């Protein structure tokens, strides 16, 4: 009898009874930083909508509130559901954080597009690019409402922001950053990430069928200092990319005086004034002949396209001097297939 009483006690004390969990995470409607105790790290689900069963569509929120007031740094990952390296970067950043020694607040969202993440998809459920629908619409379509909720309930809290991405399916990326290098604060934020390449742009309106902005552009429009960092490849965890990402965030925290310690501003050799993708003119089997971070010269052959019999259909050459930021990994292409993402160096060096 004593044995079963002991077992019952253990089940009760560890929260394994039906309907009970020992580490239950609450769902909230809004982030209220005033309700969070200083010197602590809190986690909760933030509801941004509801699914077809009228259950919450929620995103995971981590908040580290320091013992002293200071800026709010926002870290967002996986606005595209196949961009996973940023999730691990945020998780590891909080795992190694001592909030009692922090000044200011860090808000981490390790998975801001939950529907796409669990479905192994890049785009949102309506096949829209969620990152091309900001600031969204309160009474818009599915993507517009989700973007609106993120804009209102998440971005509005940030003073500084790092939006974490990767390449998409069928592509690979270097570790590169995007932001306005003419802005001193944004330039330093980018350099602190020690990327292989920086592409300088102002976060202008997006392209394609959507008429909205990227999340970065929407943040900038609200006065938030926001940058984008691309960490490698889709739908995988890459330990080296994750480690580099953690170090970059650590350096940023020190520079913002949110953590103690000094940090130098590194010089980044490869800063591009613009970048663009090159595409095939016809379908076939593509063999790319350059690698990530390789500098190429105008007229250098970068890829060859063949038909199923191995006969050369077309050769592709660099239209100008540049550096390889990303490239297609799928040899099978129809006309208009991507070849490489070419960055044009601001101050090219051979």
C-alpha atoms as a PDB file:
ATOM      1  CA  UNK A   1       0.000   0.000   0.000  1.00  0.00           C
ATOM      2  CA  UNK A   2       2.826   2.377   0.866  1.00  0.00           C
ATOM      3  CA  UNK A   3       4.350   1.661  -2.559  1.00  0.00           C
ATOM      4  CA  UNK A   4       1.259   2.895  -4.421  1.00  0.00           C
ATOM      5  CA  UNK A   5       0.952   5.936  -2.160  1.00  0.00           C
ATOM      6  CA  UNK A   6       4.543   6.802  -3.037  1.00  0.00           C
ATOM      7  CA  UNK A   7       3.854   6.409  -6.771  1.00  0.00           C
ATOM      8  CA  UNK A   8       0.747   8.598  -6.481  1.00  0.00           C
ATOM      9  CA  UNK A   9       2.750  11.271  -4.640  1.00  0.00           C
ATOM     10  CA  UNK A  10       5.444  11.250  -7.319  1.00  0.00           C
ATOM     11  CA  UNK A  11       2.876  11.633 -10.101  1.00  0.00           C
ATOM     12  CA  UNK A  12       1.257  14.555  -8.315  1.00  0.00           C
ATOM     13  CA  UNK A  13       4.512  16.323  -7.494  1.00  0.00           C
ATOM     14  CA  UNK A  14       5.902  16.016 -11.026  1.00  0.00           C
ATOM     15  CA  UNK A  15       2.694  17.148 -12.724  1.00  0.00           C
ATOM     16  CA  UNK A  16       1.990  13.988 -14.712  1.00  0.00           C
ATOM     17  CA  UNK A  17      -1.691  13.768 -13.792  1.00  0.00           C
ATOM     18  CA  UNK A  18      -4.131  14.115 -16.676  1.00  0.00           C
ATOM     19  CA  UNK A  19      -4.701  17.779 -17.544  1.00  0.00           C
ATOM     20  CA  UNK A  20      -1.743  18.972 -15.488  1.00  0.00           C
ATOM     21  CA  UNK A  21       1.781  19.951 -16.570  1.00  0.00           C
ATOM     22  CA  UNK A  22       4.698  21.032 -14.427  1.00  0.00           C
ATOM     23  CA  UNK A  23       5.951  23.571 -16.977  1.00  0.00           C
ATOM     24  CA  UNK A  24       2.747  24.984 -18.389  1.00  0.00           C
ATOM     25  CA  UNK A  25       3.318  28.027 -20.597  1.00  0.00           C
ATOM     26  CA  UNK A  26       0.496  30.538 -20.595  1.00  0.00           C
ATOM     27  CA  UNK A  27      -1.062  32.074 -23.704  1.00  0.00           C
ATOM     28  CA  UNK A  28      -1.469  35.853 -23.600  1.00  0.00           C
ATOM     29  CA  UNK A  29      -3.091  38.408 -25.878  1.00  0.00           C
ATOM     30  CA  UNK A  30      -0.407  41.076 -25.556  1.00  0.00           C
ATOM     31  CA  UNK A  31       3.177  41.542 -24.392  1.00  0.00           C
ATOM     32  CA  UNK A  32       3.129  43.643 -21.240  1.00  0.00           C
ATOM     33  CA  UNK A  33       6.725  44.354 -20.268  1.00  0.00           C
ATOM     34  CA  UNK A  34       5.635  46.178 -17.101  1.00  0.00           C
ATOM     35  CA  UNK A  35       4.247  42.909 -15.716  1.00  0.00           C
ATOM     36  CA  UNK A  36       7.587  41.093 -16.062  1.00  0.00           C
ATOM     37  CA  UNK A  37       9.849  41.042 -13.033  1.00  0.00           C
ATOM     38  CA  UNK A  38      13.250  42.649 -13.403  1.00  0.00           C
ATOM     39  CA  UNK A  39      16.191  40.288 -13.506  1.00  0.00           C
ATOM     40  CA  UNK A  40      14.122  37.417 -14.892  1.00  0.00           C
ATOM     41  CA  UNK A  41      13.486  35.476 -18.089  1.00  0.00           C
ATOM     42  CA  UNK A  42       9.878  34.676 -18.925  1.00  0.00           C
ATOM     43  CA  UNK A  43       8.333  32.550 -21.665  1.00  0.00           C
ATOM     44  CA  UNK A  44       4.785  32.516 -22.983  1.00  0.00           C
ATOM     45  CA  UNK A  45       2.676  32.070 -26.088  1.00  0.00           C
ATOM     46  CA  UNK A  46       1.372  35.206 -27.778  1.00  0.00           C
ATOM     47  CA  UNK A  47      -1.904  34.731 -29.655  1.00  0.00           C
ATOM     48  CA  UNK A  48      -2.026  36.371 -33.096  1.00  0.00           C
ATOM     49  CA  UNK A  49      -5.173  34.771 -34.493  1.00  0.00           C
ATOM     50  CA  UNK A  50      -7.151  31.537 -34.512  1.00  0.00           C
ATOM     51  CA  UNK A  51      -7.249  28.427 -36.684  1.00  0.00           C
ATOM     52  CA  UNK A  52     -10.145  26.592 -38.322  1.00  0.00           C
ATOM     53  CA  UNK A  53     -11.075  24.979 -34.976  1.00  0.00           C
ATOM     54  CA  UNK A  54     -11.015  28.400 -33.317  1.00  0.00           C
ATOM     55  CA  UNK A  55      -7.861  27.469 -31.411  1.00  0.00           C
ATOM     56  CA  UNK A  56      -5.117  30.068 -30.933  1.00  0.00           C
ATOM     57  CA  UNK A  57      -2.476  30.669 -33.574  1.00  0.00           C
ATOM     58  CA  UNK A  58       0.333  31.559 -31.212  1.00  0.00           C
ATOM     59  CA  UNK A  59       4.027  32.365 -31.407  1.00  0.00           C
ATOM     60  CA  UNK A  60       6.656  31.550 -28.735  1.00  0.00           C
ATOM     61  CA  UNK A  61       7.950  34.574 -26.844  1.00  0.00           C
ATOM     62  CA  UNK A  62      11.057  34.784 -24.659  1.00  0.00           C
ATOM     63  CA  UNK A  63      11.582  37.952 -22.624  1.00  0.00           C
ATOM     64  CA  UNK A  64      14.705  38.717 -20.621  1.00  0.00           C
ATOM     65  CA  UNK A  65      14.190  41.828 -18.507  1.00  0.00           C
ATOM     66  CA  UNK A  66      17.311  43.207 -16.911  1.00  0.00           C
ATOM     67  CA  UNK A  67      17.731  44.630 -13.439  1.00  0.00           C
ATOM     68  CA  UNK A  68      18.322  48.063 -14.948  1.00  0.00           C
ATOM     69  CA  UNK A  69      16.304  49.943 -17.558  1.00  0.00           C
ATOM     70  CA  UNK A  70      17.689  50.197 -21.062  1.00  0.00           C
ATOM     71  CA  UNK A  71      16.855  49.570 -24.718  1.00  0.00           C
ATOM     72  CA  UNK A  72      14.639  46.805 -26.043  1.00  0.00           C
ATOM     73  CA  UNK A  73      16.312  44.496 -28.541  1.00  0.00           C
ATOM     74  CA  UNK A  74      14.049  42.306 -30.653  1.00  0.00           C
ATOM     75  CA  UNK A  75      15.255  39.054 -32.216  1.00  0.00           C
ATOM     76  CA  UNK A  76      12.936  37.434 -34.756  1.00  0.00           C
ATOM     77  CA  UNK A  77      13.426  34.183 -36.651  1.00  0.00           C
ATOM     78  CA  UNK A  78      11.587  32.166 -39.306  1.00  0.00           C
ATOM     79  CA  UNK A  79       9.240  34.726 -40.834  1.00  0.00           C
ATOM     80  CA  UNK A  80       9.689  32.200 -43.632  1.00  0.00           C
ATOM     81  CA  UNK A  81       8.887  28.784 -42.212  1.00  0.00           C
ATOM     82  CA  UNK A  82      11.953  27.004 -43.620  1.00  0.00           C
ATOM     83  CA  UNK A  83      14.519  29.405 -42.119  1.00  0.00           C
ATOM     84  CA  UNK A  84      15.560  27.566 -38.975  1.00  0.00           C
ATOM     85  CA  UNK A  85      19.112  28.603 -38.022  1.00  0.00           C
ATOM     86  CA  UNK A  86      17.797  31.765 -36.384  1.00  0.00           C
ATOM     87  CA  UNK A  87      15.561  29.731 -34.076  1.00  0.00           C
ATOM     88  CA  UNK A  88      18.598  28.003 -32.556  1.00  0.00           C
ATOM     89  CA  UNK A  89      20.503  31.301 -32.345  1.00  0.00           C
ATOM     90  CA  UNK A  90      17.716  32.846 -30.259  1.00  0.00           C
ATOM     91  CA  UNK A  91      17.301  29.749 -28.086  1.00  0.00           C
ATOM     92  CA  UNK A  92      21.030  29.568 -27.338  1.00  0.00           C
ATOM     93  CA  UNK A  93      21.255  33.308 -26.687  1.00  0.00           C
ATOM     94  CA  UNK A  94      18.619  33.037 -23.956  1.00  0.00           C
ATOM     95  CA  UNK A  95      20.061  29.789 -22.594  1.00  0.00           C
ATOM     96  CA  UNK A  96      23.377  31.525 -21.904  1.00  0.00           C
ATOM     97  CA  UNK A  97      21.846  34.744 -20.577  1.00  0.00           C
ATOM     98  CA  UNK A  98      21.918  36.026 -16.992  1.00  0.00           C
ATOM     99  CA  UNK A  99      19.063  38.515 -16.766  1.00  0.00           C
ATOM    100  CA  UNK A 100      20.273  39.804 -13.392  1.00  0.00           C
ATOM    101  CA  UNK A 101      23.317  41.235 -15.190  1.00  0.00           C
ATOM    102  CA  UNK A 102      21.356  42.640 -18.117  1.00  0.00           C
ATOM    103  CA  UNK A 103      20.492  46.266 -18.765  1.00  0.00           C
ATOM    104  CA  UNK A 104      17.329  46.700 -20.792  1.00  0.00           C
ATOM    105  CA  UNK A 105      15.158  43.993 -22.319  1.00  0.00           C
ATOM    106  CA  UNK A 106      15.550  41.314 -24.988  1.00  0.00           C
ATOM    107  CA  UNK A 107      12.455  39.966 -26.721  1.00  0.00           C
ATOM    108  CA  UNK A 108      13.112  36.791 -28.692  1.00  0.00           C
ATOM    109  CA  UNK A 109      10.662  35.132 -31.057  1.00  0.00           C
ATOM    110  CA  UNK A 110      12.141  31.743 -32.060  1.00  0.00           C
ATOM    111  CA  UNK A 111       9.570  31.048 -34.778  1.00  0.00           C
ATOM    112  CA  UNK A 112       7.374  33.970 -35.829  1.00  0.00           C
ATOM    113  CA  UNK A 113       5.522  32.034 -38.580  1.00  0.00           C
ATOM    114  CA  UNK A 114       4.303  28.944 -36.695  1.00  0.00           C
ATOM    115  CA  UNK A 115       1.925  27.597 -39.346  1.00  0.00           C
ATOM    116  CA  UNK A 116       4.624  27.499 -42.026  1.00  0.00           C
ATOM    117  CA  UNK A 117       7.237  26.041 -39.663  1.00  0.00           C
ATOM    118  CA  UNK A 118       5.183  22.987 -38.705  1.00  0.00           C
ATOM    119  CA  UNK A 119       4.157  22.418 -42.329  1.00  0.00           C
ATOM    120  CA  UNK A 120       7.741  22.672 -43.625  1.00  0.00           C
ATOM    121  CA  UNK A 121       6.719  25.550 -45.893  1.00  0.00           C
ATOM    122  CA  UNK A 122       8.355  28.861 -46.734  1.00  0.00           C
ATOM    123  CA  UNK A 123       5.176  30.812 -47.430  1.00  0.00           C
ATOM    124  CA  UNK A 124       2.096  31.340 -45.300  1.00  0.00           C
ATOM    125  CA  UNK A 125      -0.979  29.132 -45.515  1.00  0.00           C
ATOM    126  CA  UNK A 126      -2.479  31.225 -48.351  1.00  0.00           C
ATOM    127  CA  UNK A 127       0.762  30.829 -50.356  1.00  0.00           C
ATOM    128  CA  UNK A 128       1.639  34.473 -49.716  1.00  0.00           C
ATOM    129  CA  UNK A 129       5.076  35.599 -48.608  1.00  0.00           C
ATOM    130  CA  UNK A 130       4.384  36.835 -45.084  1.00  0.00           C
ATOM    131  CA  UNK A 131       7.487  39.011 -45.291  1.00  0.00           C
ATOM    132  CA  UNK A 132       5.967  40.952 -48.188  1.00  0.00           C
ATOM    133  CA  UNK A 133       2.760  41.965 -46.407  1.00  0.00           C
ATOM    134  CA  UNK A 134       3.806  44.422 -43.718  1.00  0.00           C
ATOM    135  CA  UNK A 135       2.496  46.416 -41.962  1.00  0.00           C
ATOM    136  CA  UNK A 136      -0.541  44.307 -42.802  1.00  0.00           C
ATOM    137  CA  UNK A 137      -4.260  45.047 -42.517  1.00  0.00           C
ATOM    138  CA  UNK A 138      -6.489  44.519 -39.497  1.00  0.00           C
ATOM    139  CA  UNK A 139      -9.343  43.260 -41.693  1.00  0.00           C
ATOM    140  CA  UNK A 140      -7.288  42.001 -44.642  1.00  0.00           C
ATOM    141  CA  UNK A 141      -6.629  38.504 -45.965  1.00  0.00           C
ATOM    142  CA  UNK A 142      -4.883  35.788 -43.967  1.00  0.00           C
ATOM    143  CA  UNK A 143      -1.310  36.986 -44.506  1.00  0.00           C
ATOM    144  CA  UNK A 144      -2.261  40.639 -44.075  1.00  0.00           C
ATOM    145  CA  UNK A 145      -3.971  39.953 -40.742  1.00  0.00           C
ATOM    146  CA  UNK A 146      -1.001  37.927 -39.476  1.00  0.00           C
ATOM    147  CA  UNK A 147       1.436  40.671 -40.507  1.00  0.00           C
ATOM    148  CA  UNK A 148      -0.798  43.261 -38.829  1.00  0.00           C
ATOM    149  CA  UNK A 149      -0.799  41.304 -35.571  1.00  0.00           C
ATOM    150  CA  UNK A 150       3.003  40.962 -35.636  1.00  0.00           C
ATOM    151  CA  UNK A 151       3.405  44.649 -36.406  1.00  0.00           C
ATOM    152  CA  UNK A 152       1.056  45.770 -33.644  1.00  0.00           C
ATOM    153  CA  UNK A 153       1.837  43.246 -30.914  1.00  0.00           C
ATOM    154  CA  UNK A 154       5.549  42.561 -31.471  1.00  0.00           C
ATOM    155  CA  UNK A 155       7.442  45.168 -33.489  1.00  0.00           C
ATOM    156  CA  UNK A 156       5.909  48.040 -31.533  1.00  0.00           C
ATOM    157  CA  UNK A 157       7.991  47.075 -28.478  1.00  0.00           C
ATOM    158  CA  UNK A 158      11.408  47.169 -30.191  1.00  0.00           C
ATOM    159  CA  UNK A 159      14.083  49.857 -30.201  1.00  0.00           C
ATOM    160  CA  UNK A 160      16.568  47.674 -32.091  1.00  0.00           C
ATOM    161  CA  UNK A 161      15.841  44.624 -34.227  1.00  0.00           C
ATOM    162  CA  UNK A 162      17.702  41.734 -35.872  1.00  0.00           C
ATOM    163  CA  UNK A 163      15.566  39.763 -38.325  1.00  0.00           C
ATOM    164  CA  UNK A 164      17.076  36.321 -38.954  1.00  0.00           C
ATOM    165  CA  UNK A 165      16.704  34.554 -42.305  1.00  0.00           C
ATOM    166  CA  UNK A 166      18.316  31.829 -44.437  1.00  0.00           C
ATOM    167  CA  UNK A 167      18.199  30.892 -48.098  1.00  0.00           C
ATOM    168  CA  UNK A 168      15.033  29.283 -49.446  1.00  0.00           C
ATOM    169  CA  UNK A 169      14.494  25.734 -50.717  1.00  0.00           C
ATOM    170  CA  UNK A 170      16.881  24.799 -53.506  1.00  0.00           C
ATOM    171  CA  UNK A 171      19.373  27.538 -52.651  1.00  0.00           C
ATOM    172  CA  UNK A 172      22.301  28.203 -50.323  1.00  0.00           C
ATOM    173  CA  UNK A 173      23.550  31.471 -48.833  1.00  0.00           C
ATOM    174  CA  UNK A 174      26.694  32.850 -47.333  1.00  0.00           C
ATOM    175  CA  UNK A 175      26.292  34.558 -43.969  1.00  0.00           C
ATOM    176  CA  UNK A 176      25.392  38.021 -45.181  1.00  0.00           C
ATOM    177  CA  UNK A 177      23.612  41.073 -43.849  1.00  0.00           C
ATOM    178  CA  UNK A 178      21.286  43.642 -45.365  1.00  0.00           C
ATOM    179  CA  UNK A 179      20.841  47.183 -44.144  1.00  0.00           C
ATOM    180  CA  UNK A 180      21.495  50.839 -44.832  1.00  0.00           C
ATOM    181  CA  UNK A 181      25.251  51.331 -44.550  1.00  0.00           C
ATOM    182  CA  UNK A 182      24.822  55.121 -44.826  1.00  0.00           C
ATOM    183  CA  UNK A 183      23.204  55.028 -41.367  1.00  0.00           C
ATOM    184  CA  UNK A 184      25.933  54.868 -38.724  1.00  0.00           C
ATOM    185  CA  UNK A 185      23.920  52.815 -36.219  1.00  0.00           C
ATOM    186  CA  UNK A 186      22.730  50.283 -38.771  1.00  0.00           C
ATOM    187  CA  UNK A 187      26.217  50.011 -40.249  1.00  0.00           C
ATOM    188  CA  UNK A 188      27.687  49.163 -36.840  1.00  0.00           C
ATOM    189  CA  UNK A 189      24.896  46.667 -36.100  1.00  0.00           C
ATOM    190  CA  UNK A 190      25.679  44.905 -39.370  1.00  0.00           C
ATOM    191  CA  UNK A 191      29.444  44.907 -38.887  1.00  0.00           C
ATOM    192  CA  UNK A 192      29.093  43.431 -35.402  1.00  0.00           C
ATOM    193  CA  UNK A 193      27.547  40.310 -36.933  1.00  0.00           C
ATOM    194  CA  UNK A 194      30.844  39.700 -38.804  1.00  0.00           C
ATOM    195  CA  UNK A 195      29.089  38.617 -42.001  1.00  0.00           C
ATOM    196  CA  UNK A 196      30.942  37.404 -45.060  1.00  0.00           C
ATOM    197  CA  UNK A 197      29.150  40.052 -47.114  1.00  0.00           C
ATOM    198  CA  UNK A 198      26.998  43.122 -46.465  1.00  0.00           C
ATOM    199  CA  UNK A 199      24.481  44.363 -49.030  1.00  0.00           C
ATOM    200  CA  UNK A 200      23.690  48.017 -48.411  1.00  0.00           C
ATOM    201  CA  UNK A 201      20.064  48.926 -49.002  1.00  0.00           C
ATOM    202  CA  UNK A 202      17.427  50.951 -47.216  1.00  0.00           C
ATOM    203  CA  UNK A 203      14.745  48.286 -46.854  1.00  0.00           C
ATOM    204  CA  UNK A 204      12.656  49.674 -49.689  1.00  0.00           C
ATOM    205  CA  UNK A 205       9.203  48.314 -50.598  1.00  0.00           C
ATOM    206  CA  UNK A 206       9.134  44.731 -51.742  1.00  0.00           C
ATOM    207  CA  UNK A 207       8.595  43.161 -55.148  1.00  0.00           C
ATOM    208  CA  UNK A 208       6.173  40.665 -56.641  1.00  0.00           C
ATOM    209  CA  UNK A 209       2.398  40.416 -56.334  1.00  0.00           C
ATOM    210  CA  UNK A 210       2.184  41.717 -52.767  1.00  0.00           C
ATOM    211  CA  UNK A 211       2.055  45.461 -52.249  1.00  0.00           C
ATOM    212  CA  UNK A 212       3.471  45.506 -48.732  1.00  0.00           C
ATOM    213  CA  UNK A 213       6.824  45.986 -47.054  1.00  0.00           C
ATOM    214  CA  UNK A 214       9.232  43.541 -45.514  1.00  0.00           C
ATOM    215  CA  UNK A 215       9.193  43.314 -41.723  1.00  0.00           C
ATOM    216  CA  UNK A 216      12.512  45.189 -41.674  1.00  0.00           C
ATOM    217  CA  UNK A 217      11.105  48.012 -43.800  1.00  0.00           C
ATOM    218  CA  UNK A 218       8.020  48.234 -41.583  1.00  0.00           C
ATOM    219  CA  UNK A 219      10.232  48.385 -38.484  1.00  0.00           C
ATOM    220  CA  UNK A 220      12.407  51.116 -40.009  1.00  0.00           C
ATOM    221  CA  UNK A 221       9.290  53.125 -40.866  1.00  0.00           C
ATOM    222  CA  UNK A 222       8.447  53.126 -37.144  1.00  0.00           C
ATOM    223  CA  UNK A 223      11.878  54.394 -36.145  1.00  0.00           C
ATOM    224  CA  UNK A 224      13.206  50.976 -35.092  1.00  0.00           C
ATOM    225  CA  UNK A 225      16.860  50.324 -35.922  1.00  0.00           C
ATOM    226  CA  UNK A 226      16.437  47.108 -37.909  1.00  0.00           C
ATOM    227  CA  UNK A 227      18.779  44.871 -39.903  1.00  0.00           C
ATOM    228  CA  UNK A 228      18.409  41.552 -41.703  1.00  0.00           C
ATOM    229  CA  UNK A 229      20.960  38.755 -41.398  1.00  0.00           C
ATOM    230  CA  UNK A 230      20.946  35.659 -43.616  1.00  0.00           C
ATOM    231  CA  UNK A 231      22.439  32.583 -41.930  1.00  0.00           C
ATOM    232  CA  UNK A 232      23.134  29.950 -44.544  1.00  0.00           C
ATOM    233  CA  UNK A 233      20.812  27.235 -45.759  1.00  0.00           C
ATOM    234  CA  UNK A 234      17.106  26.334 -45.358  1.00  0.00           C
ATOM    235  CA  UNK A 235      15.396  23.643 -43.265  1.00  0.00           C
ATOM    236  CA  UNK A 236      18.570  22.625 -41.384  1.00  0.00           C
ATOM    237  CA  UNK A 237      20.550  23.503 -38.297  1.00  0.00           C
ATOM    238  CA  UNK A 238      24.127  24.472 -39.228  1.00  0.00           C
ATOM    239  CA  UNK A 239      26.287  24.542 -36.073  1.00  0.00           C
ATOM    240  CA  UNK A 240      28.903  26.930 -37.481  1.00  0.00           C
ATOM    241  CA  UNK A 241      26.277  29.398 -38.700  1.00  0.00           C
ATOM    242  CA  UNK A 242      24.465  29.205 -35.365  1.00  0.00           C
ATOM    243  CA  UNK A 243      27.681  29.781 -33.425  1.00  0.00           C
ATOM    244  CA  UNK A 244      28.564  32.784 -35.577  1.00  0.00           C
ATOM    245  CA  UNK A 245      25.060  34.140 -35.068  1.00  0.00           C
ATOM    246  CA  UNK A 246      25.305  33.823 -31.293  1.00  0.00           C
ATOM    247  CA  UNK A 247      28.624  35.676 -31.270  1.00  0.00           C
ATOM    248  CA  UNK A 248      27.150  38.453 -33.381  1.00  0.00           C
ATOM    249  CA  UNK A 249      24.236  38.968 -30.988  1.00  0.00           C
ATOM    250  CA  UNK A 250      26.628  38.870 -28.020  1.00  0.00           C
ATOM    251  CA  UNK A 251      28.714  41.633 -29.606  1.00  0.00           C
ATOM    252  CA  UNK A 252      25.601  43.693 -30.298  1.00  0.00           C
ATOM    253  CA  UNK A 253      24.460  43.394 -26.674  1.00  0.00           C
ATOM    254  CA  UNK A 254      27.829  44.662 -25.481  1.00  0.00           C
ATOM    255  CA  UNK A 255      27.849  47.542 -27.959  1.00  0.00           C
ATOM    256  CA  UNK A 256      24.347  48.562 -26.827  1.00  0.00           C
ATOM    257  CA  UNK A 257      25.662  48.502 -23.219  1.00  0.00           C
ATOM    258  CA  UNK A 258      23.060  45.882 -22.370  1.00  0.00           C
ATOM    259  CA  UNK A 259      25.843  43.551 -21.226  1.00  0.00           C
ATOM    260  CA  UNK A 260      29.205  44.380 -19.703  1.00  0.00           C
ATOM    261  CA  UNK A 261      32.336  44.045 -21.766  1.00  0.00           C
ATOM    262  CA  UNK A 262      34.057  45.901 -24.560  1.00  0.00           C
ATOM    263  CA  UNK A 263      33.713  45.141 -28.236  1.00  0.00           C
ATOM    264  CA  UNK A 264      35.532  46.418 -31.291  1.00  0.00           C
ATOM    265  CA  UNK A 265      33.830  47.302 -34.555  1.00  0.00           C
ATOM    266  CA  UNK A 266      35.224  44.962 -37.206  1.00  0.00           C
ATOM    267  CA  UNK A 267      35.885  46.071 -40.738  1.00  0.00           C
ATOM    268  CA  UNK A 268      34.000  44.055 -43.341  1.00  0.00           C
ATOM    269  CA  UNK A 269      35.848  43.691 -46.627  1.00  0.00           C
ATOM    270  CA  UNK A 270      32.944  42.721 -48.851  1.00  0.00           C
ATOM    271  CA  UNK A 271      30.336  45.500 -48.841  1.00  0.00           C
ATOM    272  CA  UNK A 272      28.018  45.577 -51.851  1.00  0.00           C
ATOM    273  CA  UNK A 273      26.155  48.579 -53.193  1.00  0.00           C
ATOM    274  CA  UNK A 274      23.553  46.303 -54.789  1.00  0.00           C
ATOM    275  CA  UNK A 275      22.820  42.672 -55.599  1.00  0.00           C
ATOM    276  CA  UNK A 276      20.608  40.692 -57.954  1.00  0.00           C
ATOM    277  CA  UNK A 277      19.874  37.171 -59.177  1.00  0.00           C
ATOM    278  CA  UNK A 278      20.872  35.850 -62.583  1.00  0.00           C
ATOM    279  CA  UNK A 279      18.411  33.512 -64.348  1.00  0.00           C
ATOM    280  CA  UNK A 280      18.485  30.913 -67.104  1.00  0.00           C
ATOM    281  CA  UNK A 281      16.998  31.760 -70.499  1.00  0.00           C
ATOM    282  CA  UNK A 282      15.748  28.234 -71.149  1.00  0.00           C
ATOM    283  CA  UNK A 283      15.208  24.947 -69.368  1.00  0.00           C
ATOM    284  CA  UNK A 284      17.764  22.215 -68.819  1.00  0.00           C
ATOM    285  CA  UNK A 285      20.259  20.776 -66.358  1.00  0.00           C
ATOM    286  CA  UNK A 286      22.358  23.463 -64.720  1.00  0.00           C
ATOM    287  CA  UNK A 287      25.930  23.084 -63.510  1.00  0.00           C
ATOM    288  CA  UNK A 288      27.174  26.057 -61.477  1.00  0.00           C
ATOM    289  CA  UNK A 289      30.925  26.613 -61.659  1.00  0.00           C
ATOM    290  CA  UNK A 290      31.478  29.115 -58.843  1.00  0.00           C
ATOM    291  CA  UNK A 291      31.125  28.863 -55.050  1.00  0.00           C
ATOM    292  CA  UNK A 292      29.789  31.025 -52.241  1.00  0.00           C
ATOM    293  CA  UNK A 293      31.866  34.112 -51.390  1.00  0.00           C
ATOM    294  CA  UNK A 294      33.909  33.745 -54.589  1.00  0.00           C
ATOM    295  CA  UNK A 295      34.783  36.972 -56.352  1.00  0.00           C
ATOM    296  CA  UNK A 296      34.080  36.819 -60.074  1.00  0.00           C
ATOM    297  CA  UNK A 297      35.165  39.041 -62.960  1.00  0.00           C
ATOM    298  CA  UNK A 298      33.036  40.412 -65.760  1.00  0.00           C
ATOM    299  CA  UNK A 299      32.886  37.808 -68.518  1.00  0.00           C
ATOM    300  CA  UNK A 300      33.875  34.897 -66.263  1.00  0.00           C
ATOM    301  CA  UNK A 301      31.852  31.749 -66.877  1.00  0.00           C
ATOM    302  CA  UNK A 302      29.650  30.974 -63.903  1.00  0.00           C
ATOM    303  CA  UNK A 303      27.416  28.131 -65.137  1.00  0.00           C
ATOM    304  CA  UNK A 304      26.640  25.764 -67.998  1.00  0.00           C
ATOM    305  CA  UNK A 305      23.196  24.516 -69.026  1.00  0.00           C
ATOM    306  CA  UNK A 306      22.849  21.125 -70.777  1.00  0.00           C
ATOM    307  CA  UNK A 307      20.008  19.118 -72.258  1.00  0.00           C
ATOM    308  CA  UNK A 308      19.246  15.521 -71.145  1.00  0.00           C
ATOM    309  CA  UNK A 309      21.768  14.187 -73.700  1.00  0.00           C
ATOM    310  CA  UNK A 310      24.616  16.181 -72.132  1.00  0.00           C
ATOM    311  CA  UNK A 311      24.815  18.672 -74.984  1.00  0.00           C
ATOM    312  CA  UNK A 312      25.550  22.284 -74.016  1.00  0.00           C
ATOM    313  CA  UNK A 313      22.541  24.529 -74.493  1.00  0.00           C
ATOM    314  CA  UNK A 314      23.978  27.717 -73.061  1.00  0.00           C
ATOM    315  CA  UNK A 315      26.848  29.085 -71.019  1.00  0.00           C
ATOM    316  CA  UNK A 316      26.360  31.903 -68.543  1.00  0.00           C
ATOM    317  CA  UNK A 317      28.886  34.619 -67.731  1.00  0.00           C
ATOM    318  CA  UNK A 318      29.157  37.270 -65.037  1.00  0.00           C
ATOM    319  CA  UNK A 319      27.719  40.527 -66.422  1.00  0.00           C
ATOM    320  CA  UNK A 320      30.046  42.558 -64.190  1.00  0.00           C
ATOM    321  CA  UNK A 321      32.588  42.149 -61.425  1.00  0.00           C
ATOM    322  CA  UNK A 322      31.057  40.907 -58.204  1.00  0.00           C
ATOM    323  CA  UNK A 323      30.875  38.310 -55.447  1.00  0.00           C
ATOM    324  CA  UNK A 324      28.691  35.207 -55.079  1.00  0.00           C
ATOM    325  CA  UNK A 325      26.205  35.739 -52.224  1.00  0.00           C
ATOM    326  CA  UNK A 326      23.958  32.759 -52.929  1.00  0.00           C
ATOM    327  CA  UNK A 327      23.358  30.122 -55.536  1.00  0.00           C
ATOM    328  CA  UNK A 328      20.907  27.561 -56.815  1.00  0.00           C
ATOM    329  CA  UNK A 329      21.539  23.972 -55.674  1.00  0.00           C
ATOM    330  CA  UNK A 330      19.006  22.233 -57.934  1.00  0.00           C
ATOM    331  CA  UNK A 331      20.402  21.265 -61.352  1.00  0.00           C
ATOM    332  CA  UNK A 332      16.881  20.780 -62.776  1.00  0.00           C
ATOM    333  CA  UNK A 333      15.539  24.066 -64.111  1.00  0.00           C
ATOM    334  CA  UNK A 334      12.927  25.409 -66.465  1.00  0.00           C
ATOM    335  CA  UNK A 335      13.378  28.754 -68.204  1.00  0.00           C
ATOM    336  CA  UNK A 336      13.814  31.476 -65.615  1.00  0.00           C
ATOM    337  CA  UNK A 337      15.620  29.224 -63.141  1.00  0.00           C
ATOM    338  CA  UNK A 338      17.921  30.931 -60.652  1.00  0.00           C
ATOM    339  CA  UNK A 339      21.678  30.686 -61.180  1.00  0.00           C
ATOM    340  CA  UNK A 340      23.537  32.827 -58.638  1.00  0.00           C
ATOM    341  CA  UNK A 341      22.865  35.834 -56.417  1.00  0.00           C
ATOM    342  CA  UNK A 342      25.533  38.324 -57.467  1.00  0.00           C
ATOM    343  CA  UNK A 343      26.655  41.150 -55.200  1.00  0.00           C
ATOM    344  CA  UNK A 344      28.334  44.211 -56.716  1.00  0.00           C
ATOM    345  CA  UNK A 345      31.143  45.322 -54.419  1.00  0.00           C
ATOM    346  CA  UNK A 346      31.154  48.956 -53.376  1.00  0.00           C
ATOM    347  CA  UNK A 347      34.959  49.136 -53.364  1.00  0.00           C
ATOM    348  CA  UNK A 348      36.084  46.105 -55.361  1.00  0.00           C
ATOM    349  CA  UNK A 349      39.515  44.670 -54.702  1.00  0.00           C
ATOM    350  CA  UNK A 350      41.117  41.964 -56.814  1.00  0.00           C
END
